[in-house]
Amino acid sequence: MKDIALRVSGTLFLVVAIAHILRYILKFNVIIAGYELPFWLSALAAIILIFLSLWMFKTSCNKN
């Protein structure tokens, strides 16, 4: 059961990372409360989310 939860969370992290990468490449503006989020923030978020996704998949594959 733990492996399934790790794979699901890894997949979700990966999907959100892809959304951030697409925002960065396609230059979609995101405005929250009148403030436009910078594109470098999406790049940073994508990097962090990719590492989290890899960590989840690696942990789910480890058999102790």
C-alpha atoms as a PDB file:
ATOM      1  CA  MET A   1       0.000   0.000   0.000  1.00  0.00           C
ATOM      2  CA  LYS A   2       2.894   2.346   0.781  1.00  0.00           C
ATOM      3  CA  ASP A   3       4.326   1.800  -2.715  1.00  0.00           C
ATOM      4  CA  ILE A   4       1.063   2.849  -4.357  1.00  0.00           C
ATOM      5  CA  ALA A   5       0.884   6.060  -2.321  1.00  0.00           C
ATOM      6  CA  LEU A   6       4.480   6.914  -3.227  1.00  0.00           C
ATOM      7  CA  ARG A   7       3.851   6.285  -6.924  1.00  0.00           C
ATOM      8  CA  VAL A   8       0.676   8.386  -6.913  1.00  0.00           C
ATOM      9  CA  SER A   9       2.411  11.291  -5.177  1.00  0.00           C
ATOM     10  CA  GLY A  10       5.393  10.958  -7.525  1.00  0.00           C
ATOM     11  CA  THR A  11       3.056  11.103 -10.509  1.00  0.00           C
ATOM     12  CA  LEU A  12       1.275  14.174  -9.142  1.00  0.00           C
ATOM     13  CA  PHE A  13       4.588  15.942  -8.523  1.00  0.00           C
ATOM     14  CA  LEU A  14       5.621  15.128 -12.087  1.00  0.00           C
ATOM     15  CA  VAL A  15       2.363  16.439 -13.596  1.00  0.00           C
ATOM     16  CA  VAL A  16       2.669  19.733 -11.705  1.00  0.00           C
ATOM     17  CA  ALA A  17       6.344  20.002 -12.730  1.00  0.00           C
ATOM     18  CA  ILE A  18       5.334  19.580 -16.373  1.00  0.00           C
ATOM     19  CA  ALA A  19       2.724  22.326 -15.950  1.00  0.00           C
ATOM     20  CA  HIS A  20       5.427  24.658 -14.596  1.00  0.00           C
ATOM     21  CA  ILE A  21       7.749  23.778 -17.462  1.00  0.00           C
ATOM     22  CA  LEU A  22       4.979  24.505 -19.978  1.00  0.00           C
ATOM     23  CA  ARG A  23       4.271  27.838 -18.284  1.00  0.00           C
ATOM     24  CA  TYR A  24       7.955  28.720 -18.511  1.00  0.00           C
ATOM     25  CA  ILE A  25       8.279  27.703 -22.182  1.00  0.00           C
ATOM     26  CA  LEU A  26       4.964  29.127 -23.411  1.00  0.00           C
ATOM     27  CA  LYS A  27       5.218  32.276 -21.246  1.00  0.00           C
ATOM     28  CA  PHE A  28       1.768  32.077 -19.650  1.00  0.00           C
ATOM     29  CA  ASN A  29       1.185  34.930 -17.226  1.00  0.00           C
ATOM     30  CA  VAL A  30      -0.098  34.050 -13.774  1.00  0.00           C
ATOM     31  CA  ILE A  31      -1.530  36.910 -11.766  1.00  0.00           C
ATOM     32  CA  ILE A  32      -2.469  36.443  -8.119  1.00  0.00           C
ATOM     33  CA  ALA A  33      -4.057  39.354  -6.245  1.00  0.00           C
ATOM     34  CA  GLY A  34      -2.797  41.769  -8.885  1.00  0.00           C
ATOM     35  CA  TYR A  35       0.795  40.526  -8.682  1.00  0.00           C
ATOM     36  CA  GLU A  36       2.338  38.783 -11.689  1.00  0.00           C
ATOM     37  CA  LEU A  37       4.425  35.768 -10.710  1.00  0.00           C
ATOM     38  CA  PRO A  38       7.893  35.790 -12.282  1.00  0.00           C
ATOM     39  CA  PHE A  39       8.853  33.059 -14.729  1.00  0.00           C
ATOM     40  CA  TRP A  40      11.968  32.117 -12.767  1.00  0.00           C
ATOM     41  CA  LEU A  41       9.654  31.010  -9.969  1.00  0.00           C
ATOM     42  CA  SER A  42       8.105  28.396 -12.269  1.00  0.00           C
ATOM     43  CA  ALA A  43      11.559  27.196 -13.302  1.00  0.00           C
ATOM     44  CA  LEU A  44      12.575  26.821  -9.657  1.00  0.00           C
ATOM     45  CA  ALA A  45       9.309  25.076  -8.785  1.00  0.00           C
ATOM     46  CA  ALA A  46       9.739  22.665 -11.715  1.00  0.00           C
ATOM     47  CA  ILE A  47      13.239  21.709 -10.579  1.00  0.00           C
ATOM     48  CA  ILE A  48      12.102  21.113  -6.995  1.00  0.00           C
ATOM     49  CA  LEU A  49       9.060  19.115  -8.113  1.00  0.00           C
ATOM     50  CA  ILE A  50      11.113  16.930 -10.450  1.00  0.00           C
ATOM     51  CA  PHE A  51      13.476  16.059  -7.601  1.00  0.00           C
ATOM     52  CA  LEU A  52      10.514  15.282  -5.324  1.00  0.00           C
ATOM     53  CA  SER A  53       8.982  13.094  -8.019  1.00  0.00           C
ATOM     54  CA  LEU A  54      12.216  11.184  -8.543  1.00  0.00           C
ATOM     55  CA  TRP A  55      12.562  10.737  -4.791  1.00  0.00           C
ATOM     56  CA  MET A  56       9.042   9.293  -4.538  1.00  0.00           C
ATOM     57  CA  PHE A  57       9.604   6.869  -7.436  1.00  0.00           C
ATOM     58  CA  LYS A  58      13.007   5.799  -6.100  1.00  0.00           C
ATOM     59  CA  THR A  59      11.574   5.214  -2.627  1.00  0.00           C
ATOM     60  CA  SER A  60       8.683   3.181  -4.008  1.00  0.00           C
ATOM     61  CA  CYS A  61      11.097   0.912  -5.913  1.00  0.00           C
ATOM     62  CA  ASN A  62      13.394   0.225  -2.944  1.00  0.00           C
ATOM     63  CA  LYS A  63      12.684  -3.137  -1.368  1.00  0.00           C
ATOM     64  CA  ASN A  64      14.226  -3.397   2.107  1.00  0.00           C
END
